[in-house]
Protein backbone atom coordinates (compact mmCIF):
# COMPACT_ATOMS: atom_id res chain seq x y z
CA UNK A 1 -43.18 37.17 83.89
CA UNK A 2 -45.90 35.92 81.32
CA UNK A 3 -46.17 32.34 82.94
CA UNK A 4 -46.71 33.98 86.36
CA UNK A 5 -49.52 36.47 85.01
CA UNK A 6 -51.30 33.50 83.30
CA UNK A 7 -51.42 31.20 86.79
CA UNK A 8 -52.56 34.12 88.58
CA UNK A 9 -55.11 34.67 85.99
CA UNK A 10 -56.51 30.95 86.42
CA UNK A 11 -56.00 30.86 90.28
CA UNK A 12 -58.31 34.39 89.93
CA UNK A 13 -61.06 32.34 87.98
CA UNK A 14 -61.33 29.48 89.99
CA UNK A 15 -61.72 31.48 93.07
CA UNK A 16 -64.51 33.30 91.49
CA UNK A 17 -66.17 30.58 90.11
CA UNK A 18 -66.39 28.75 93.95
CA UNK A 19 -67.43 31.80 95.46
CA UNK A 20 -70.30 32.17 92.59
CA UNK A 21 -71.37 28.70 93.55
CA UNK A 22 -71.69 28.84 97.05
CA UNK A 23 -73.17 32.11 96.66
CA UNK A 24 -76.16 30.44 94.41
CA UNK A 25 -76.64 27.85 96.75
CA UNK A 26 -76.74 29.90 99.58
CA UNK A 27 -79.39 32.07 97.65
CA UNK A 28 -81.39 29.04 97.09
CA UNK A 29 -81.40 27.67 100.41
CA UNK A 30 -82.65 31.07 102.67
CA UNK A 31 -85.52 31.91 99.54
CA UNK A 32 -88.69 30.47 100.37
CA UNK A 33 -90.67 28.35 97.87
CA UNK A 34 -92.90 30.18 95.53
CA UNK A 35 -96.15 30.89 96.92
CA UNK A 36 -98.86 28.53 94.65
CA UNK A 37 -101.36 30.73 92.92
CA UNK A 38 -105.36 30.09 93.49
CA UNK A 39 -106.73 27.38 91.29
CA UNK A 40 -108.78 29.27 88.75
CA UNK A 41 -112.34 27.26 88.07
CA UNK A 42 -114.15 27.52 84.39
CA UNK A 43 -117.26 26.70 86.25
CA UNK A 44 -120.63 28.86 85.48
CA UNK A 45 -122.69 29.25 88.55
CA UNK A 46 -126.09 30.90 89.18
CA UNK A 47 -126.42 33.58 91.16
CA UNK A 48 -128.14 33.80 94.67
CA UNK A 49 -130.95 35.93 93.04
CA UNK A 50 -131.82 38.82 90.72
CA UNK A 51 -130.45 40.93 92.89
CA UNK A 52 -126.96 39.81 93.31
CA UNK A 53 -127.02 39.04 89.27
CA UNK A 54 -127.94 43.17 89.15
CA UNK A 55 -124.97 43.99 91.59
CA UNK A 56 -122.58 41.46 89.76
CA UNK A 57 -123.26 43.30 86.52
CA UNK A 58 -123.01 46.53 87.91
CA UNK A 59 -119.68 45.85 89.17
CA UNK A 60 -118.54 44.29 86.01
CA UNK A 61 -120.20 47.40 84.00
CA UNK A 62 -117.73 49.57 86.63
CA UNK A 63 -114.90 47.48 85.75
CA UNK A 64 -115.31 47.75 82.30
CA UNK A 65 -116.16 51.25 81.73
CA UNK A 66 -113.04 52.67 83.60
CA UNK A 67 -110.70 50.24 82.12
CA UNK A 68 -111.92 52.03 78.70
CA UNK A 69 -111.64 55.64 79.92
CA UNK A 70 -114.65 57.41 78.19
CA UNK A 71 -112.11 60.35 76.86
CA UNK A 72 -110.48 57.89 74.20
CA UNK A 73 -113.18 55.28 73.81
CA UNK A 74 -115.92 57.60 72.14
CA UNK A 75 -114.41 59.06 68.89
CA UNK A 76 -115.77 62.66 67.37
CA UNK A 77 -117.13 61.54 64.09
CA UNK A 78 -119.41 62.77 61.58
CA UNK A 79 -121.06 59.84 60.13
CA UNK A 80 -121.17 56.06 59.62
CA UNK A 81 -123.22 53.47 58.60
CA UNK A 82 -121.93 49.68 58.56
CA UNK A 83 -125.11 47.95 57.92
CA UNK A 84 -124.66 47.95 54.09
CA UNK A 85 -128.07 49.49 53.28
CA UNK A 86 -131.52 49.92 55.18
CA UNK A 87 -133.48 46.92 56.72
CA UNK A 88 -137.07 45.79 56.27
CA UNK A 89 -138.92 43.26 54.42
CA UNK A 90 -136.99 41.68 51.79
CA UNK A 91 -137.61 42.11 48.35
CA UNK A 92 -137.49 39.86 45.10
CA UNK A 93 -134.36 41.34 43.23
CA UNK A 94 -136.10 41.96 40.13
CA UNK A 95 -137.48 45.66 39.35
CA UNK A 96 -141.30 44.73 39.28
CA UNK A 97 -141.03 43.56 42.95
CA UNK A 98 -142.42 40.39 42.10
CA UNK A 99 -140.62 36.56 41.76
CA UNK A 100 -138.48 36.10 38.50
CA UNK A 101 -140.63 33.81 36.30
CA UNK A 102 -140.38 30.07 36.64
CA UNK A 103 -138.87 28.05 34.14
CA UNK A 104 -139.84 24.89 32.02
CA UNK A 105 -140.26 22.02 34.55
CA UNK A 106 -138.60 18.78 33.75
CA UNK A 107 -139.87 15.00 34.89
CA UNK A 108 -135.90 14.54 35.87
CA UNK A 109 -134.88 14.02 39.52
CA UNK A 110 -131.50 13.37 40.81
CA UNK A 111 -130.40 9.94 42.74
CA UNK A 112 -128.02 11.30 44.67
CA UNK A 113 -126.52 14.42 45.95
CA UNK A 114 -124.20 15.80 48.45
CA UNK A 115 -124.66 17.53 51.85
CA UNK A 116 -122.91 19.56 53.94
CA UNK A 117 -120.00 17.80 55.62
CA UNK A 118 -120.63 17.86 59.12
CA UNK A 119 -118.54 16.86 62.33
CA UNK A 120 -120.99 15.39 64.29
CA UNK A 121 -123.60 12.78 63.15
CA UNK A 122 -126.89 13.95 62.97
CA UNK A 123 -126.08 18.18 64.01
CA UNK A 124 -125.91 19.90 60.54
CA UNK A 125 -124.15 23.16 60.20
CA UNK A 126 -124.91 26.50 58.26
CA UNK A 127 -123.76 26.87 55.03
CA UNK A 128 -123.59 28.95 52.21
CA UNK A 129 -125.01 26.14 49.81
CA UNK A 130 -127.72 23.80 50.38
CA UNK A 131 -129.61 21.41 48.30
CA UNK A 132 -132.34 18.53 48.12
CA UNK A 133 -131.61 16.72 45.04
CA UNK A 134 -133.87 18.96 43.07
CA UNK A 135 -133.29 22.31 43.82
CA UNK A 136 -130.24 24.38 45.05
CA UNK A 137 -130.41 26.92 47.68
CA UNK A 138 -127.41 29.43 47.49
CA UNK A 139 -126.63 32.55 49.55
CA UNK A 140 -124.17 34.99 47.24
CA UNK A 141 -123.85 38.20 49.37
CA UNK A 142 -126.92 39.80 50.32
CA UNK A 143 -129.04 37.41 47.68
CA UNK A 144 -130.90 34.25 48.38
CA UNK A 145 -131.26 32.61 44.74
CA UNK A 146 -133.18 29.25 44.62
CA UNK A 147 -131.71 27.01 41.54
CA UNK A 148 -133.38 24.48 39.97
CA UNK A 149 -130.78 21.56 39.72
CA UNK A 150 -132.31 18.83 37.45
CA UNK A 151 -132.97 17.36 34.88
CA UNK A 152 -129.15 19.11 34.48
CA UNK A 153 -130.10 21.02 31.04
CA UNK A 154 -132.83 22.64 32.36
CA UNK A 155 -130.97 24.25 35.40
CA UNK A 156 -131.67 27.73 36.05
CA UNK A 157 -132.20 30.53 38.53
CA UNK A 158 -135.76 30.55 39.52
CA UNK A 159 -136.06 32.93 42.57
CA UNK A 160 -134.06 35.51 43.63
CA UNK A 161 -134.49 37.51 46.89
CA UNK A 162 -132.32 40.66 47.92
CA UNK A 163 -132.04 40.21 52.01
CA UNK A 164 -129.89 43.87 51.79
CA UNK A 165 -127.71 42.16 54.65
CA UNK A 166 -125.08 39.93 54.07
CA UNK A 167 -126.00 36.19 54.60
CA UNK A 168 -123.99 34.18 56.88
CA UNK A 169 -125.52 31.02 56.93
CA UNK A 170 -128.36 28.76 55.52
CA UNK A 171 -129.94 25.76 56.75
CA UNK A 172 -132.43 23.63 55.12
CA UNK A 173 -134.79 21.18 56.79
CA UNK A 174 -137.60 19.58 54.37
CA UNK A 175 -139.63 23.02 52.95
CA UNK A 176 -138.22 25.33 55.28
CA UNK A 177 -134.99 27.14 54.66
CA UNK A 178 -133.68 29.19 57.26
CA UNK A 179 -131.29 32.39 56.45
CA UNK A 180 -129.13 34.02 58.94
CA UNK A 181 -127.76 37.25 59.00
CA UNK A 182 -125.53 39.40 61.06
CA UNK A 183 -125.48 42.85 60.31
CA UNK A 184 -123.28 45.51 62.33
CA UNK A 185 -123.84 49.20 62.81
CA UNK A 186 -121.90 51.84 64.88
CA UNK A 187 -124.27 54.32 66.29
CA UNK A 188 -123.93 58.02 65.72
CA UNK A 189 -125.49 60.65 67.86
CA UNK A 190 -125.58 64.13 68.01
CA UNK A 191 -123.74 65.58 71.06
CA UNK A 192 -125.88 66.30 74.47
CA UNK A 193 -126.72 69.50 75.15
CA UNK A 194 -124.02 70.53 77.83
CA UNK A 195 -123.47 73.51 80.16
CA UNK A 196 -119.83 75.00 79.91
CA UNK A 197 -117.31 74.17 82.79
CA UNK A 198 -118.01 75.93 85.76
CA UNK A 199 -121.54 76.33 85.27
CA UNK A 200 -123.80 75.24 87.99
CA UNK A 201 -124.56 72.06 88.35
CA UNK A 202 -121.35 71.05 90.20
CA UNK A 203 -118.76 68.12 89.12
CA UNK A 204 -120.97 65.27 87.45
CA UNK A 205 -124.15 67.18 86.70
CA UNK A 206 -126.41 65.80 83.88
CA UNK A 207 -125.79 67.99 80.44
CA UNK A 208 -128.36 70.74 80.86
CA UNK A 209 -130.44 71.69 77.87
CA UNK A 210 -129.87 74.92 76.03
CA UNK A 211 -126.47 75.10 75.05
CA UNK A 212 -124.76 72.62 72.21
CA UNK A 213 -122.05 71.96 71.64
CA UNK A 214 -120.19 72.17 67.72
CA UNK A 215 -119.36 68.81 67.20
CA UNK A 216 -121.25 66.81 64.66
CA UNK A 217 -121.71 63.89 66.29
CA UNK A 218 -120.38 60.99 68.75
CA UNK A 219 -119.24 57.75 68.07
CA UNK A 220 -120.75 55.18 70.08
CA UNK A 221 -120.46 51.41 70.67
CA UNK A 222 -121.56 49.38 67.60
CA UNK A 223 -124.46 47.24 67.91
CA UNK A 224 -124.53 43.42 66.67
CA UNK A 225 -127.78 41.62 65.64
CA UNK A 226 -128.07 38.46 64.63
CA UNK A 227 -131.26 38.03 62.17
CA UNK A 228 -133.15 34.89 61.28
CA UNK A 229 -135.44 34.82 58.22
CA UNK A 230 -137.67 31.46 57.84
CA UNK A 231 -138.86 30.81 54.59
CA UNK A 232 -141.51 27.91 53.20
CA UNK A 233 -139.93 26.97 50.02
CA UNK A 234 -142.44 23.87 48.59
CA UNK A 235 -143.11 26.23 45.92
CA UNK A 236 -139.77 26.91 44.83
CA UNK A 237 -140.34 29.28 42.28
CA UNK A 238 -142.49 31.62 44.93
CA UNK A 239 -140.39 31.20 48.45
CA UNK A 240 -142.83 32.68 51.32
CA UNK A 241 -141.27 34.66 54.22
CA UNK A 242 -143.02 32.96 57.18
CA UNK A 243 -141.31 35.13 60.29
CA UNK A 244 -138.17 37.09 61.44
CA UNK A 245 -135.95 37.14 64.19
CA UNK A 246 -133.37 39.81 65.67
CA UNK A 247 -131.20 38.65 68.34
CA UNK A 248 -128.99 40.80 69.81
CA UNK A 249 -125.27 40.16 69.59
CA UNK A 250 -122.46 38.74 67.50
CA UNK A 251 -123.21 35.28 65.25
CA UNK A 252 -120.87 32.89 67.14
CA UNK A 253 -122.32 29.97 64.90
CA UNK A 254 -125.41 27.87 64.35
CA UNK A 255 -126.37 23.99 64.39
CA UNK A 256 -129.47 22.52 63.54
CA UNK A 257 -130.69 18.90 64.95
CA UNK A 258 -134.12 18.00 62.98
CA UNK A 259 -136.12 21.37 62.86
CA UNK A 260 -134.49 23.00 66.04
CA UNK A 261 -132.04 25.52 65.27
CA UNK A 262 -129.40 26.58 67.75
CA UNK A 263 -127.59 29.85 67.51
CA UNK A 264 -124.44 31.10 69.52
CA UNK A 265 -124.50 34.82 69.90
CA UNK A 266 -121.94 37.21 72.04
CA UNK A 267 -123.74 40.45 73.09
CA UNK A 268 -121.73 42.97 75.09
CA UNK A 269 -123.53 44.58 77.67
CA UNK A 270 -123.08 48.17 77.73
CA UNK A 271 -124.05 51.42 79.31
CA UNK A 272 -127.14 52.29 76.43
CA UNK A 273 -126.69 56.20 76.69
CA UNK A 274 -123.11 57.52 78.09
CA UNK A 275 -122.04 60.84 77.99
CA UNK A 276 -118.55 61.96 76.79
CA UNK A 277 -116.18 64.93 77.92
CA UNK A 278 -117.23 66.54 74.75
CA UNK A 279 -120.65 67.01 76.21
CA UNK A 280 -119.48 69.27 78.83
CA UNK A 281 -117.13 71.37 77.08
CA UNK A 282 -117.56 75.01 75.91
CA UNK A 283 -118.46 75.48 72.31
CA UNK A 284 -116.17 78.50 71.80
CA UNK A 285 -112.88 77.43 73.14
CA UNK A 286 -110.54 74.12 74.04
CA UNK A 287 -107.98 73.76 76.59
CA UNK A 288 -106.43 70.30 78.48
CA UNK A 289 -107.70 72.12 81.32
CA UNK A 290 -111.35 72.23 80.28
CA UNK A 291 -110.65 68.88 78.53
CA UNK A 292 -109.81 67.15 81.72
CA UNK A 293 -112.23 69.11 83.95
CA UNK A 294 -115.04 67.64 81.30
CA UNK A 295 -113.44 64.12 81.22
CA UNK A 296 -114.20 63.84 85.11
CA UNK A 297 -117.92 65.25 84.72
CA UNK A 298 -118.51 62.66 82.14
CA UNK A 299 -117.15 59.96 84.13
CA UNK A 300 -119.34 60.88 87.20
CA UNK A 301 -122.21 61.08 85.21
CA UNK A 302 -121.69 57.79 83.44
CA UNK A 303 -120.93 55.98 87.29
CA UNK A 304 -124.05 57.68 88.22
CA UNK A 305 -126.16 55.95 85.39
CA UNK A 306 -124.69 52.73 85.70
CA UNK A 307 -125.98 52.65 89.31
CA UNK A 308 -129.16 54.02 88.16
CA UNK A 309 -129.54 51.21 85.69
CA UNK A 310 -132.24 48.27 86.65
CA UNK A 311 -131.47 44.43 85.63
CA UNK A 312 -134.30 44.80 83.30
CA UNK A 313 -132.46 47.40 81.55
CA UNK A 314 -128.92 45.37 81.36
CA UNK A 315 -130.41 42.10 79.93
CA UNK A 316 -131.06 42.67 75.83
CA UNK A 317 -134.38 41.56 74.18
CA UNK A 318 -135.15 40.29 70.98
CA UNK A 319 -137.67 40.75 68.22
CA UNK A 320 -140.18 38.37 66.57
CA UNK A 321 -142.31 39.19 63.72
CA UNK A 322 -144.97 36.66 61.68
CA UNK A 323 -145.54 37.13 58.43
CA UNK A 324 -148.74 35.83 56.49
CA UNK A 325 -149.15 36.05 53.08
CA UNK A 326 -146.59 38.25 52.54
CA UNK A 327 -147.72 40.45 55.13
CA UNK A 328 -146.05 41.63 58.27
CA UNK A 329 -147.93 40.88 61.76
CA UNK A 330 -147.30 43.28 64.76
CA UNK A 331 -143.48 43.12 66.22
CA UNK A 332 -143.08 41.55 69.36
CA UNK A 333 -140.65 42.46 71.69
CA UNK A 334 -139.23 40.33 74.49
CA UNK A 335 -136.16 39.58 76.72
CA UNK A 336 -133.98 37.26 74.88
CA UNK A 337 -132.99 35.25 78.31
CA UNK A 338 -134.76 35.42 82.10
CA UNK A 339 -132.39 36.34 84.64
CA UNK A 340 -133.55 32.92 86.39
CA UNK A 341 -131.32 31.34 83.28
CA UNK A 342 -128.17 33.60 83.39
CA UNK A 343 -124.83 31.90 84.60
CA UNK A 344 -121.95 33.98 85.70
CA UNK A 345 -118.14 32.56 85.89
CA UNK A 346 -117.25 31.34 89.05
CA UNK A 347 -113.70 32.82 88.35
CA UNK A 348 -112.81 35.83 86.07
CA UNK A 349 -115.13 38.75 84.84
CA UNK A 350 -116.54 40.58 81.97
CA UNK A 351 -119.83 42.14 80.84
CA UNK A 352 -120.59 40.08 77.66
CA UNK A 353 -122.84 37.83 77.52
CA UNK A 354 -123.17 34.84 75.62
CA UNK A 355 -126.33 33.37 74.34
CA UNK A 356 -127.59 30.12 73.22
CA UNK A 357 -130.90 30.48 71.82
CA UNK A 358 -133.20 27.54 70.41
CA UNK A 359 -135.70 27.94 67.67
CA UNK A 360 -138.38 25.24 65.88
CA UNK A 361 -137.89 26.41 62.35
CA UNK A 362 -140.87 23.92 61.30
CA UNK A 363 -143.43 25.62 63.50
CA UNK A 364 -145.63 28.66 62.33
CA UNK A 365 -144.92 30.55 65.37
CA UNK A 366 -141.60 29.38 66.07
CA UNK A 367 -140.83 29.07 70.04
CA UNK A 368 -137.42 30.60 71.44
CA UNK A 369 -135.85 29.29 74.48
CA UNK A 370 -132.24 30.50 75.42
CA UNK A 371 -129.66 30.71 78.77
C-alpha cells in the first residue's frame, strides 16, 4: 500500500505540473502585449502668449490647492518667527556701531594662497571663506568678518559686521564681496473676521466683517527670500555697503563668472491671501458638521480668489536698495522676471518657479536679468 500510494502521489504531481505549464502558455498567448506609455519630455517651452501662461498657472494653482486640502494645510498657531532676528541695514558688531579699530599694518604679503575648489575652470563657487592673499573674508553664522592674514604675526580681525541673518555663501571679485543670505519666515495672520455658519451670503461667501473667531492666528505658507549684500572692501577695516537685493525663493546655489554672479532660487507661487475653514466657524461652538460646511465655504472662496488673480499678481517681485556713504536710497520693487521670459514644462506640472538670476557685482547700480 505504501508503494502504491507513493506512485499515485508522483503521478498526480506530474499531471498538475503539466496542466500548470499548459495554462501558463495559453495565458501568455491570449493576453495582448502591454500598452506602451507615452514618452514624457523634459523640454521647456514658451507659452503662446501671456494669456496662455496665466491660464496654465491658474490651473496648476487649483490642482495644487485641491491636493493639499486647506483643512489640513493651514494649521492653527499662536506665533512663529523663524527669521532669526530683525532685518534692516547691517550693523557693525561692536556696541558703538562703528567698525573695530584697525590693527597695525605690516609690510609682508603672501607669495601664494589657496582659493575655493571649483568644478569648472573660471566658474567660481560660493564659499564661507575667501581670501586674496592678504586678507581673509569669513562668514560665521550671521557675522561677516575680515581678518588681516599677512604678515602672520600680525593676524587679527579688523572688521566684524553682524547681518542678523545666517550667511549662506560669499563671493569675492577684486575689491567686491557679495554676501548671500537665505532667511525663511512662516507668516502668522489673525483669522479673518467671518460670519457664522448659516449666515447670509451662502456657500463660498467671503468672510464678513464684524464677527471674529476665537483663534489666536492661522499659520500661512512660509516665505523664502534670498538676499545679496554687495560690499566694497577696498578699505578692509571699513567695508562699505553698496547695494542690497532681495529675491524671491529658496537659494539653490550660486556661481560667479568674472564679475557676474548667477543665482538659482526656487519660488513657490501660491494664493497670496487664502482663507481657511476657521474663518467660517462660529466662535461659540464646534462640531464636525460645522467644520465640514466651513471647509466647503473656504474652498469655494479660495477657488474664486485664484480665478480672480492676474498674471502680474502671480509673478513675484524683487527689491533693490542702493547705498551711498552708508545711507540707503529709496527701495525700488520690480517683477523678478518678465512673463515673456517664463518657460513651462512640455510634460508635467507644478507651480514652482525656478529662477535663474544674473547680477553684475562690480557695478555701482548692478543690472539684474533673469529667466
